[in-house]
Amino acid sequence: MTWNDEDIADRVRKIMVDVLDLRLSPDEIGRGVSLYSPTIQMDSLNLLQLLVAVEEEFGGRIEDEDVMEADLRTVGDIIELVRAHVRTSRPEATE
């Protein structure tokens, strides 16, 4: 499957809603929303569950070093981590 940047962002938001059991629609999650805000309430277990779901959706494995270097603070940071992962692990998927 081919993923453009907007497809990736939409799918990551959908995965966040499903995995984190958020009571809002994916469209309501802006890139600037803090992962640690009352809206998202990210913790280390949630992050692990989210990354596993992302790996299942997009294929491959996101390396621990990449996660640590990403300095994940906002929804946009997660989206960029996934976008970089998709481009690196499956470059043909973003053409």
Protein backbone atom coordinates (compact mmCIF):
# COMPACT_ATOMS: atom_id res chain seq x y z
CA MET A 1 0.00 0.00 0.00
CA THR A 2 1.10 3.53 -0.71
CA TRP A 3 0.99 5.97 2.21
CA ASN A 4 1.18 9.73 1.76
CA ASP A 5 1.82 12.05 4.70
CA GLU A 6 -1.87 12.79 5.25
CA ASP A 7 -2.81 9.09 5.11
CA ILE A 8 -0.15 8.37 7.73
CA ALA A 9 -1.36 11.19 10.00
CA ASP A 10 -5.00 10.09 9.69
CA ARG A 11 -4.18 6.46 10.39
CA VAL A 12 -1.98 7.32 13.41
CA ARG A 13 -4.80 9.40 14.89
CA LYS A 14 -7.26 6.53 14.34
CA ILE A 15 -4.86 4.08 15.99
CA MET A 16 -4.47 6.49 18.94
CA VAL A 17 -8.24 6.67 19.42
CA ASP A 18 -8.55 2.88 19.30
CA VAL A 19 -5.51 1.92 21.41
CA LEU A 20 -5.83 4.67 24.01
CA ASP A 21 -9.64 4.36 24.11
CA LEU A 22 -10.03 8.10 23.59
CA ARG A 23 -13.53 9.50 23.69
CA LEU A 24 -13.16 11.70 20.64
CA SER A 25 -12.85 11.34 16.90
CA PRO A 26 -9.47 11.18 15.14
CA ASP A 27 -10.23 14.53 13.49
CA GLU A 28 -10.33 16.19 16.90
CA ILE A 29 -6.71 15.30 17.64
CA GLY A 30 -4.48 18.14 16.48
CA ARG A 31 -0.77 17.76 15.82
CA GLY A 32 0.06 20.20 18.62
CA VAL A 33 -1.81 18.32 21.35
CA SER A 34 0.52 17.22 24.13
CA LEU A 35 0.77 13.48 24.62
CA TYR A 36 0.64 14.13 28.36
CA SER A 37 -2.42 16.39 28.26
CA PRO A 38 -5.70 15.41 29.93
CA THR A 39 -6.97 14.59 26.43
CA ILE A 40 -4.35 11.94 25.59
CA GLN A 41 -2.90 10.97 29.00
CA MET A 42 0.05 9.05 27.52
CA ASP A 43 2.15 6.89 29.80
CA SER A 44 4.89 4.37 29.03
CA LEU A 45 2.49 1.43 28.72
CA ASN A 46 0.20 3.39 26.39
CA LEU A 47 3.19 4.35 24.27
CA LEU A 48 4.28 0.73 23.98
CA GLN A 49 0.75 -0.36 23.00
CA LEU A 50 0.57 2.45 20.45
CA LEU A 51 3.92 1.55 18.90
CA VAL A 52 2.95 -2.12 18.63
CA ALA A 53 -0.29 -1.17 16.87
CA VAL A 54 1.60 1.18 14.53
CA GLU A 55 4.09 -1.55 13.67
CA GLU A 56 1.22 -3.93 12.89
CA GLU A 57 -0.49 -1.33 10.70
CA PHE A 58 2.53 -0.10 8.76
CA GLY A 59 4.80 -3.14 8.97
CA GLY A 60 8.36 -3.41 10.21
CA ARG A 61 9.71 -2.48 13.60
CA ILE A 62 10.36 0.94 15.07
CA GLU A 63 13.74 0.74 16.77
CA ASP A 64 14.01 1.72 20.43
CA GLU A 65 16.79 4.19 19.57
CA ASP A 66 14.49 5.96 17.11
CA VAL A 67 11.81 6.30 19.76
CA MET A 68 14.28 7.67 22.31
CA GLU A 69 15.76 10.16 19.83
CA ALA A 70 12.32 11.36 18.72
CA ASP A 71 11.65 13.30 21.96
CA LEU A 72 7.95 12.53 21.78
CA ARG A 73 5.93 15.38 23.25
CA THR A 74 3.04 15.98 20.86
CA VAL A 75 0.76 14.05 18.54
CA GLY A 76 2.74 15.58 15.67
CA ASP A 77 5.93 14.03 17.07
CA ILE A 78 4.33 10.57 16.98
CA ILE A 79 3.12 11.18 13.43
CA GLU A 80 6.60 12.25 12.33
CA LEU A 81 8.17 9.18 13.96
CA VAL A 82 5.77 6.93 12.06
CA ARG A 83 6.26 8.86 8.80
CA ALA A 84 10.05 8.48 9.10
CA HIS A 85 9.63 4.78 9.92
CA VAL A 86 7.43 4.19 6.87
CA ARG A 87 9.83 6.04 4.57
CA THR A 88 12.87 4.17 5.93
CA SER A 89 11.41 0.69 6.20
CA ARG A 90 9.29 0.78 3.06
CA PRO A 91 10.43 3.62 0.76
CA GLU A 92 8.27 2.30 -2.09
CA ALA A 93 5.19 2.75 0.14
CA THR A 94 5.44 6.54 0.08
CA GLU A 95 6.16 7.17 -3.60
